[in-house]
């Protein structure tokens, strides 16, 4: 049985909604609009919704442990962001030789490191990479040659990193060592043409992956062996990412994009699903 699908009532539809993340200390779900640059948020206690414009494409937002500010991924690189003061401060650009690239998607591992992918903004050059931002605010390029780097997530035990190249319709798995080294890159899952392209993803408490289908109009759940367990159709063609939220981590929120589907009323909406399983606790950046 498909879950009940709820659509957040708000006047805005996201051109390219992405990067949902639950911040339990605030009781707020944040997500971004990359192409009509904005930070969105939903207070789960009272249902209040907010939006703040950004001066450049915003790929993701991640809280900092023990602090009130955030780290964000921009076209210009990594930065800190003070929400209350609406103030950005640059950390640095991991790709100064690729000015047409931007940061696209990111998550935090169990050690508090940020793993962030990049892509060519026009999607015409295979110049994307996977970067690791460490708590001392230094970064390292960990993998290269991505068309559209997307959707990092981790296995339940934190020892496998999953990362996709949407352009290649492939989700890869890496062995992740305690010191942050990656080895053993291998295809975990390849999307057939009629599935669309793999986009953002998250992991649930049973170690299964929930993956958004860009161009496929659905969200799917896969077991750790890559077997399809469930596919949930959604009323928008371009589904972009997902995150569990709420005190019990049992509310699954799904972002979407209006880009290329302007005629679809629900395209660019934020969806909420009841899927009968909870997610893993989100991590904050340790730096």
Protein backbone atom coordinates (compact mmCIF):
# COMPACT_ATOMS: atom_id res chain seq x y z
CA UNK A 1 0.00 0.00 0.00
CA UNK A 2 1.34 3.42 -0.90
CA UNK A 3 1.68 5.85 1.97
CA UNK A 4 -0.49 8.89 2.35
CA UNK A 5 1.19 11.72 0.45
CA UNK A 6 0.93 15.21 1.91
CA UNK A 7 1.97 18.36 0.08
CA UNK A 8 3.19 21.33 2.10
CA UNK A 9 0.84 24.27 1.59
CA UNK A 10 2.94 27.27 0.59
CA UNK A 11 2.86 29.83 -2.23
CA UNK A 12 6.35 28.99 -3.48
CA UNK A 13 7.33 26.12 -5.76
CA UNK A 14 11.04 25.36 -5.94
CA UNK A 15 12.79 25.67 -9.28
CA UNK A 16 15.25 23.03 -8.05
CA UNK A 17 14.38 21.91 -4.53
CA UNK A 18 17.15 19.88 -2.89
CA UNK A 19 19.11 19.03 0.24
CA UNK A 20 16.45 18.43 2.94
CA UNK A 21 17.96 18.09 6.41
CA UNK A 22 16.41 17.76 9.85
CA UNK A 23 18.02 19.90 12.57
CA UNK A 24 16.65 18.51 15.84
CA UNK A 25 18.11 21.29 18.01
CA UNK A 26 15.88 23.75 16.20
CA UNK A 27 12.98 21.41 15.49
CA UNK A 28 13.21 22.54 11.88
CA UNK A 29 13.52 20.89 8.48
CA UNK A 30 15.67 22.93 6.10
CA UNK A 31 15.96 22.53 2.34
CA UNK A 32 17.23 24.64 -0.53
CA UNK A 33 16.26 25.87 -3.96
CA UNK A 34 19.44 25.76 -6.00
CA UNK A 35 18.40 27.57 -9.18
CA UNK A 36 16.11 30.24 -7.71
CA UNK A 37 18.59 30.49 -4.86
CA UNK A 38 16.88 30.33 -1.51
CA UNK A 39 16.94 28.61 1.86
CA UNK A 40 13.58 27.16 2.92
CA UNK A 41 12.51 25.89 6.31
CA UNK A 42 9.57 24.21 8.03
CA UNK A 43 9.06 24.25 11.80
CA UNK A 44 7.56 20.85 12.52
CA UNK A 45 6.01 21.97 15.82
CA UNK A 46 3.86 24.82 14.55
CA UNK A 47 3.98 24.36 10.78
CA UNK A 48 5.57 27.75 10.17
CA UNK A 49 7.29 28.02 6.80
CA UNK A 50 10.04 30.44 5.82
CA UNK A 51 12.18 31.31 2.81
CA UNK A 52 15.27 33.46 2.50
CA UNK A 53 16.82 34.42 -0.85
CA UNK A 54 20.53 33.71 -1.40
CA UNK A 55 22.93 35.68 -3.58
CA UNK A 56 24.18 32.65 -5.55
CA UNK A 57 23.27 29.00 -6.17
CA UNK A 58 22.93 27.18 -2.83
CA UNK A 59 23.44 23.40 -2.95
CA UNK A 60 23.03 22.43 0.70
CA UNK A 61 23.07 23.52 4.33
CA UNK A 62 24.49 21.55 7.28
CA UNK A 63 24.51 22.54 10.98
CA UNK A 64 27.72 22.87 12.98
CA UNK A 65 27.94 20.85 16.20
CA UNK A 66 27.58 22.97 19.32
CA UNK A 67 27.05 26.17 17.35
CA UNK A 68 24.13 28.14 15.95
CA UNK A 69 25.56 28.69 12.48
CA UNK A 70 25.83 26.38 9.48
CA UNK A 71 28.14 25.33 6.68
CA UNK A 72 26.70 25.81 3.19
CA UNK A 73 27.73 24.71 -0.28
CA UNK A 74 27.64 27.50 -2.86
CA UNK A 75 28.71 27.98 -6.44
CA UNK A 76 31.70 29.86 -5.02
CA UNK A 77 32.61 27.06 -2.59
CA UNK A 78 32.26 26.31 1.11
CA UNK A 79 31.05 29.02 3.49
CA UNK A 80 29.63 29.46 6.97
CA UNK A 81 26.19 30.97 7.33
CA UNK A 82 24.62 32.73 10.31
CA UNK A 83 20.87 32.41 9.87
CA UNK A 84 19.90 34.98 12.47
CA UNK A 85 22.28 37.63 11.11
CA UNK A 86 21.82 36.52 7.47
CA UNK A 87 25.59 36.58 7.08
CA UNK A 88 27.88 34.46 4.88
CA UNK A 89 31.61 34.01 5.47
CA UNK A 90 33.71 32.11 2.91
CA UNK A 91 35.74 29.05 3.91
CA UNK A 92 37.23 28.36 0.50
CA UNK A 93 36.68 27.11 -3.03
CA UNK A 94 37.62 23.45 -3.53
CA UNK A 95 37.63 23.89 -7.32
CA UNK A 96 39.25 27.24 -8.17
CA UNK A 97 40.28 25.94 -11.59
CA UNK A 98 36.69 25.03 -12.51
CA UNK A 99 34.76 28.32 -12.30
CA UNK A 100 31.76 26.84 -14.11
CA UNK A 101 31.27 24.17 -11.44
CA UNK A 102 29.15 24.40 -8.30
CA UNK A 103 28.68 22.31 -5.17
CA UNK A 104 25.58 20.16 -5.48
CA UNK A 105 24.83 17.79 -2.58
CA UNK A 106 26.40 16.79 0.74
CA UNK A 107 26.09 14.81 3.95
CA UNK A 108 28.03 14.29 7.18
CA UNK A 109 29.61 11.00 8.22
CA UNK A 110 29.85 9.55 11.74
CA UNK A 111 33.15 11.37 12.33
CA UNK A 112 31.58 14.75 11.57
CA UNK A 113 33.19 15.24 8.15
CA UNK A 114 31.23 16.72 5.24
CA UNK A 115 31.21 14.80 1.95
CA UNK A 116 30.21 17.11 -0.88
CA UNK A 117 29.86 16.54 -4.60
CA UNK A 118 30.19 19.06 -7.41
CA UNK A 119 29.03 19.38 -10.99
CA UNK A 120 29.33 21.55 -14.08
CA UNK A 121 26.55 24.10 -13.76
CA UNK A 122 25.37 23.68 -17.36
CA UNK A 123 25.78 19.88 -17.17
CA UNK A 124 27.77 19.82 -20.41
CA UNK A 125 31.21 18.88 -19.03
CA UNK A 126 32.21 15.87 -16.91
CA UNK A 127 34.10 17.95 -14.35
CA UNK A 128 32.40 17.05 -11.07
CA UNK A 129 34.18 15.62 -8.05
CA UNK A 130 33.66 14.31 -4.53
CA UNK A 131 35.25 16.39 -1.77
CA UNK A 132 35.78 15.83 1.95
CA UNK A 133 35.62 18.86 4.27
CA UNK A 134 37.31 18.05 7.57
CA UNK A 135 36.56 19.62 10.99
CA UNK A 136 39.70 21.78 10.73
CA UNK A 137 38.11 23.41 7.65
CA UNK A 138 40.57 21.90 5.20
CA UNK A 139 39.35 19.89 2.25
CA UNK A 140 40.54 17.14 -0.03
CA UNK A 141 39.35 15.94 -3.44
CA UNK A 142 38.49 12.25 -2.97
CA UNK A 143 37.13 11.20 -6.39
CA UNK A 144 36.76 12.74 -9.84
CA UNK A 145 35.06 12.50 -13.25
CA UNK A 146 31.40 12.99 -12.30
CA UNK A 147 28.82 14.37 -14.68
CA UNK A 148 26.41 15.24 -11.84
CA UNK A 149 27.72 14.25 -8.40
CA UNK A 150 24.75 13.56 -6.19
CA UNK A 151 23.18 12.06 -3.12
CA UNK A 152 25.84 10.95 -0.69
CA UNK A 153 24.61 8.74 2.13
CA UNK A 154 26.11 6.05 4.35
CA UNK A 155 25.45 2.50 5.45
CA UNK A 156 23.92 1.99 8.88
CA UNK A 157 27.33 1.15 10.39
CA UNK A 158 28.98 4.10 8.65
CA UNK A 159 31.54 1.93 6.87
CA UNK A 160 30.18 2.35 3.32
CA UNK A 161 29.71 5.65 1.52
CA UNK A 162 27.19 5.70 -1.33
CA UNK A 163 27.56 8.39 -3.98
CA UNK A 164 25.93 8.71 -7.37
CA UNK A 165 26.74 10.11 -10.76
CA UNK A 166 23.28 11.02 -11.97
CA UNK A 167 24.53 11.55 -15.51
CA UNK A 168 25.79 7.96 -15.61
CA UNK A 169 22.61 6.64 -13.93
CA UNK A 170 24.86 4.91 -11.39
CA UNK A 171 25.10 4.80 -7.61
CA UNK A 172 28.58 3.84 -6.41
CA UNK A 173 29.67 2.32 -3.11
CA UNK A 174 33.01 2.96 -1.40
CA UNK A 175 34.58 1.45 1.69
CA UNK A 176 35.00 4.30 4.18
CA UNK A 177 37.82 3.98 6.71
CA UNK A 178 37.86 5.62 10.13
CA UNK A 179 40.45 8.13 8.93
CA UNK A 180 38.27 9.18 5.99
CA UNK A 181 40.07 7.23 3.28
CA UNK A 182 37.98 5.77 0.46
CA UNK A 183 38.74 2.45 -1.23
CA UNK A 184 36.97 -0.18 -3.29
CA UNK A 185 34.83 2.01 -5.53
CA UNK A 186 32.23 -0.19 -7.23
CA UNK A 187 28.82 0.18 -8.88
CA UNK A 188 26.09 -0.43 -6.32
CA UNK A 189 23.10 0.23 -8.55
CA UNK A 190 22.48 1.24 -12.16
CA UNK A 191 19.17 2.83 -13.13
CA UNK A 192 17.59 1.54 -16.34
CA UNK A 193 16.46 4.26 -18.73
CA UNK A 194 12.80 4.03 -17.71
CA UNK A 195 13.65 4.76 -14.06
CA UNK A 196 15.04 8.23 -14.76
CA UNK A 197 18.26 9.27 -13.02
CA UNK A 198 19.32 8.65 -9.40
CA UNK A 199 19.32 11.86 -7.39
CA UNK A 200 19.47 12.51 -3.64
CA UNK A 201 19.17 9.70 -1.12
CA UNK A 202 19.05 8.79 2.56
CA UNK A 203 19.40 5.69 4.72
CA UNK A 204 16.80 4.28 7.11
CA UNK A 205 17.20 2.46 10.43
CA UNK A 206 17.17 -0.92 8.66
CA UNK A 207 20.11 0.06 6.46
CA UNK A 208 18.01 0.48 3.32
CA UNK A 209 18.51 3.33 0.88
CA UNK A 210 15.73 5.66 -0.26
CA UNK A 211 16.65 7.16 -3.64
CA UNK A 212 14.89 9.97 -5.53
CA UNK A 213 14.26 9.48 -9.26
CA UNK A 214 14.87 12.59 -11.37
CA UNK A 215 12.71 12.11 -14.46
CA UNK A 216 11.16 9.00 -12.93
CA UNK A 217 8.49 10.56 -10.73
CA UNK A 218 9.04 8.35 -7.72
CA UNK A 219 11.00 7.51 -4.60
CA UNK A 220 12.36 3.98 -4.23
CA UNK A 221 13.71 1.88 -1.37
CA UNK A 222 16.60 -0.54 -1.92
CA UNK A 223 18.11 -3.07 0.46
CA UNK A 224 21.89 -3.15 1.14
CA UNK A 225 22.31 -5.65 -1.71
CA UNK A 226 20.75 -3.20 -4.18
CA UNK A 227 17.42 -5.03 -4.51
CA UNK A 228 14.35 -2.88 -5.12
CA UNK A 229 11.94 -3.26 -2.21
CA UNK A 230 9.42 -0.53 -2.86
CA UNK A 231 8.63 2.25 -5.32
CA UNK A 232 6.34 5.15 -4.39
CA UNK A 233 4.95 7.20 -7.31
CA UNK A 234 4.75 10.93 -6.67
CA UNK A 235 2.78 13.63 -8.53
CA UNK A 236 5.86 15.35 -10.00
CA UNK A 237 8.33 14.02 -12.56
CA UNK A 238 11.56 15.37 -11.09
CA UNK A 239 12.06 14.04 -7.56
CA UNK A 240 15.32 15.30 -6.12
CA UNK A 241 16.06 14.19 -2.55
CA UNK A 242 14.64 13.00 0.77
CA UNK A 243 15.25 13.11 4.52
CA UNK A 244 13.69 11.67 7.65
CA UNK A 245 12.65 14.23 10.23
CA UNK A 246 10.73 14.71 13.46
CA UNK A 247 11.49 13.59 17.03
CA UNK A 248 10.97 9.96 16.02
CA UNK A 249 12.68 10.38 12.63
CA UNK A 250 9.55 8.80 11.15
CA UNK A 251 8.40 11.60 8.83
CA UNK A 252 9.94 11.30 5.37
CA UNK A 253 10.15 14.58 3.45
CA UNK A 254 10.82 14.63 -0.29
CA UNK A 255 11.92 17.56 -2.44
CA UNK A 256 11.16 18.09 -6.13
CA UNK A 257 11.84 20.50 -8.99
CA UNK A 258 9.62 22.65 -11.17
CA UNK A 259 12.40 22.91 -13.76
CA UNK A 260 11.29 21.19 -16.94
CA UNK A 261 7.84 20.48 -15.50
CA UNK A 262 6.32 23.93 -15.12
CA UNK A 263 2.99 22.60 -16.38
CA UNK A 264 2.70 20.16 -13.45
CA UNK A 265 1.02 21.86 -10.45
CA UNK A 266 2.86 19.78 -7.85
CA UNK A 267 6.32 20.08 -9.44
CA UNK A 268 8.62 21.90 -7.03
CA UNK A 269 6.53 20.96 -4.00
CA UNK A 270 7.73 19.50 -0.71
CA UNK A 271 6.06 16.15 -0.05
CA UNK A 272 5.68 14.27 3.23
CA UNK A 273 5.28 10.48 3.29
CA UNK A 274 4.40 7.95 5.98
CA UNK A 275 6.51 4.93 5.06
CA UNK A 276 6.41 2.84 8.24
CA UNK A 277 10.13 3.01 8.98
CA UNK A 278 12.35 5.58 10.67
CA UNK A 279 15.59 7.13 9.54
CA UNK A 280 19.03 7.41 11.08
CA UNK A 281 19.90 10.43 13.25
CA UNK A 282 21.39 13.25 11.17
CA UNK A 283 24.97 14.28 11.92
CA UNK A 284 26.26 17.81 12.42
CA UNK A 285 29.58 19.02 11.06
CA UNK A 286 32.26 18.73 13.75
CA UNK A 287 34.12 21.85 12.66
